N, C-alpha and C. Protein backbone atom coordinates (compact mmCIF):
# COMPACT_ATOMS: atom_id res chain seq x y z
N MET A 1 41.39 97.47 66.28
CA MET A 1 40.29 98.32 66.74
C MET A 1 41.20 99.77 66.71
N GLU A 2 40.76 100.60 66.30
CA GLU A 2 41.55 101.91 66.18
C GLU A 2 41.24 102.89 67.51
N ALA A 3 42.09 103.48 68.19
CA ALA A 3 42.07 104.17 69.09
C ALA A 3 41.29 105.53 68.94
N GLN A 4 40.54 105.77 70.14
CA GLN A 4 39.52 106.95 70.04
C GLN A 4 40.02 108.06 70.43
N PRO A 5 39.67 109.23 69.91
CA PRO A 5 40.02 110.43 70.50
C PRO A 5 39.59 110.90 72.03
N SER A 6 40.34 111.29 72.88
CA SER A 6 40.20 111.65 74.22
C SER A 6 39.21 112.98 74.24
N GLN A 7 38.15 112.70 75.24
CA GLN A 7 37.08 113.77 75.26
C GLN A 7 37.89 114.65 76.32
N ASN A 8 38.40 114.56 77.31
CA ASN A 8 38.61 115.11 78.31
C ASN A 8 40.32 115.50 78.11
N TRP A 9 40.71 116.57 77.36
CA TRP A 9 42.17 116.88 77.36
C TRP A 9 42.98 116.95 78.54
N ASN A 10 42.57 117.56 79.42
CA ASN A 10 43.06 117.26 80.58
C ASN A 10 43.90 116.07 81.33
N ASP A 11 43.67 115.19 80.78
CA ASP A 11 43.97 113.78 81.06
C ASP A 11 45.01 113.43 80.14
N LEU A 12 45.46 114.46 79.34
CA LEU A 12 46.68 114.07 78.13
C LEU A 12 47.78 114.85 78.62
N ILE A 13 48.03 115.62 79.69
CA ILE A 13 49.34 116.37 79.84
C ILE A 13 50.17 115.50 80.15
N ASP A 14 51.36 115.57 79.41
CA ASP A 14 52.52 114.82 79.53
C ASP A 14 52.38 113.64 78.99
N ARG A 15 51.49 113.28 78.01
CA ARG A 15 51.50 112.50 77.21
C ARG A 15 51.50 112.51 75.54
N HIS A 16 52.10 111.49 75.02
CA HIS A 16 52.47 111.80 73.60
C HIS A 16 50.94 111.38 72.95
N VAL A 17 50.64 112.00 71.90
CA VAL A 17 49.47 112.13 71.35
C VAL A 17 49.46 112.48 69.67
N GLU A 18 48.37 111.84 69.12
CA GLU A 18 48.36 112.21 67.60
C GLU A 18 47.05 113.25 67.32
N ILE A 19 47.42 114.52 66.71
CA ILE A 19 46.45 115.41 66.63
C ILE A 19 45.64 115.03 64.91
N ARG A 20 44.42 114.94 65.16
CA ARG A 20 44.11 114.72 63.79
C ARG A 20 42.89 115.96 63.42
N LYS A 21 42.68 116.25 62.23
CA LYS A 21 41.67 117.09 61.80
C LYS A 21 41.09 116.70 60.57
N ASN A 22 39.74 116.57 60.45
CA ASN A 22 39.18 115.86 59.29
C ASN A 22 39.57 114.62 58.90
N GLY A 23 40.00 113.59 60.06
CA GLY A 23 40.48 112.28 59.94
C GLY A 23 41.94 112.33 59.41
N ARG A 24 42.82 113.17 59.22
CA ARG A 24 43.98 113.21 58.92
C ARG A 24 44.95 113.45 60.13
N VAL A 25 45.96 112.83 60.09
CA VAL A 25 46.93 112.97 61.13
C VAL A 25 47.85 114.31 60.68
N VAL A 26 47.76 115.57 61.85
CA VAL A 26 48.35 116.63 61.35
C VAL A 26 49.83 117.01 62.25
N ARG A 27 49.76 116.14 63.08
CA ARG A 27 51.10 116.44 63.90
C ARG A 27 51.04 115.14 65.36
N THR A 28 52.25 114.94 65.91
CA THR A 28 52.20 114.25 66.78
C THR A 28 53.26 114.70 67.89
N GLY A 29 53.12 114.66 69.06
CA GLY A 29 53.90 115.13 70.08
C GLY A 29 53.51 115.11 71.39
N ARG A 30 54.07 115.45 72.26
CA ARG A 30 54.24 115.35 73.94
C ARG A 30 53.08 117.00 74.09
N VAL A 31 52.15 116.46 74.77
CA VAL A 31 51.05 117.60 75.31
C VAL A 31 51.95 118.39 76.40
N GLU A 32 52.25 119.79 76.38
CA GLU A 32 52.83 120.37 77.01
C GLU A 32 51.87 120.82 78.39
N ALA A 33 50.79 121.54 77.69
CA ALA A 33 49.89 122.21 78.47
C ALA A 33 48.16 122.26 78.05
N VAL A 34 47.22 122.10 79.11
CA VAL A 34 46.07 121.95 78.42
C VAL A 34 45.30 123.46 79.16
N THR A 35 44.36 124.11 78.38
CA THR A 35 43.43 125.30 79.05
C THR A 35 42.66 124.59 80.12
N HIS A 36 42.39 125.62 81.03
CA HIS A 36 41.50 125.09 82.21
C HIS A 36 40.56 124.52 81.64
N ALA A 37 39.78 125.26 80.67
CA ALA A 37 38.58 124.62 80.25
C ALA A 37 38.84 123.07 79.37
N ALA A 38 39.83 122.95 78.97
CA ALA A 38 40.34 121.65 78.30
C ALA A 38 39.71 121.64 76.86
N ASP A 39 39.80 123.09 76.21
CA ASP A 39 39.29 123.08 74.84
C ASP A 39 40.24 123.57 74.14
N ALA A 40 41.58 123.36 74.66
CA ALA A 40 42.90 123.68 73.66
C ALA A 40 44.14 123.05 74.08
N LEU A 41 44.85 122.51 73.70
CA LEU A 41 46.14 122.17 74.05
C LEU A 41 47.48 122.72 73.08
N TRP A 42 48.39 122.77 73.96
CA TRP A 42 49.87 122.83 73.46
C TRP A 42 50.57 121.64 72.89
N LEU A 43 51.24 121.35 72.26
CA LEU A 43 51.98 120.22 71.77
C LEU A 43 53.32 121.23 72.13
N GLU A 44 54.69 120.37 72.72
CA GLU A 44 55.86 121.15 73.06
C GLU A 44 56.61 121.01 71.72
N GLY A 45 57.53 122.24 71.65
CA GLY A 45 58.31 122.21 70.33
C GLY A 45 59.29 120.83 70.21
N HIS A 46 59.76 120.11 69.12
CA HIS A 46 60.28 119.43 69.16
C HIS A 46 61.30 119.27 67.67
N GLY A 47 62.62 119.42 67.61
CA GLY A 47 63.18 119.45 66.29
C GLY A 47 62.71 120.73 65.29
N SER A 48 62.24 120.43 64.30
CA SER A 48 61.49 121.61 63.49
C SER A 48 60.17 122.11 63.80
N ASP A 49 59.63 121.27 64.77
CA ASP A 49 58.14 121.39 65.18
C ASP A 49 58.11 122.51 66.11
N LEU A 50 57.55 123.36 65.88
CA LEU A 50 57.55 124.45 67.12
C LEU A 50 56.25 124.52 68.18
N ARG A 51 56.62 124.94 69.18
CA ARG A 51 55.40 124.57 70.10
C ARG A 51 54.35 124.92 69.33
N SER A 52 53.20 124.27 69.39
CA SER A 52 51.94 124.58 68.57
C SER A 52 50.65 124.60 69.59
N ILE A 53 49.66 125.37 69.21
CA ILE A 53 48.27 124.84 69.72
C ILE A 53 47.13 124.43 69.04
N PHE A 54 46.44 123.63 69.64
CA PHE A 54 45.31 123.10 68.84
C PHE A 54 44.09 123.20 69.61
N GLU A 55 43.13 123.69 69.02
CA GLU A 55 41.76 123.75 69.48
C GLU A 55 40.45 122.95 69.04
N LYS A 56 39.66 122.33 69.75
CA LYS A 56 38.75 121.41 69.69
C LYS A 56 37.83 122.51 68.59
N ALA A 57 37.51 123.77 69.01
CA ALA A 57 36.67 124.52 68.13
C ALA A 57 37.08 124.46 66.85
N GLU A 58 38.35 124.38 66.43
CA GLU A 58 38.61 124.51 65.13
C GLU A 58 38.77 122.93 64.31
N GLY A 59 38.03 121.98 65.32
CA GLY A 59 38.11 120.72 64.70
C GLY A 59 39.08 119.60 64.74
N TYR A 60 40.04 120.23 65.85
CA TYR A 60 41.12 119.31 66.26
C TYR A 60 40.56 118.07 67.21
N SER A 61 41.09 116.72 66.79
CA SER A 61 40.97 115.89 67.90
C SER A 61 42.33 115.16 68.38
N ALA A 62 42.31 114.74 69.72
CA ALA A 62 43.68 114.51 70.17
C ALA A 62 43.61 112.63 70.59
N ILE A 63 44.27 111.99 70.15
CA ILE A 63 44.38 110.41 70.40
C ILE A 63 45.65 110.21 70.91
N PRO A 64 45.49 109.99 72.33
CA PRO A 64 47.05 109.35 73.14
C PRO A 64 47.33 108.20 72.41
N PHE A 65 48.80 107.96 72.41
CA PHE A 65 49.31 106.66 71.99
C PHE A 65 49.36 106.16 73.21
N CYS A 66 49.11 104.46 72.97
CA CYS A 66 49.38 103.83 74.15
C CYS A 66 50.82 103.78 75.03
N ASP A 67 50.56 103.78 76.37
CA ASP A 67 51.68 103.70 77.01
C ASP A 67 52.30 102.38 77.45
């Protein structure tokens, strides 16, 4: 069974997630922060990947990795 996107991004703070858009993985990483409205999140920078923001309104979904 495939993991489902998280509806409440506030639950993802400090968790490792997979960010998808149009069904494709665009990035993985640890959620550093989430907006108060939980409509955008920041993945921390790691290696060559800079700190990045992803917004639900732009079609991104976040799927947590199993802990």
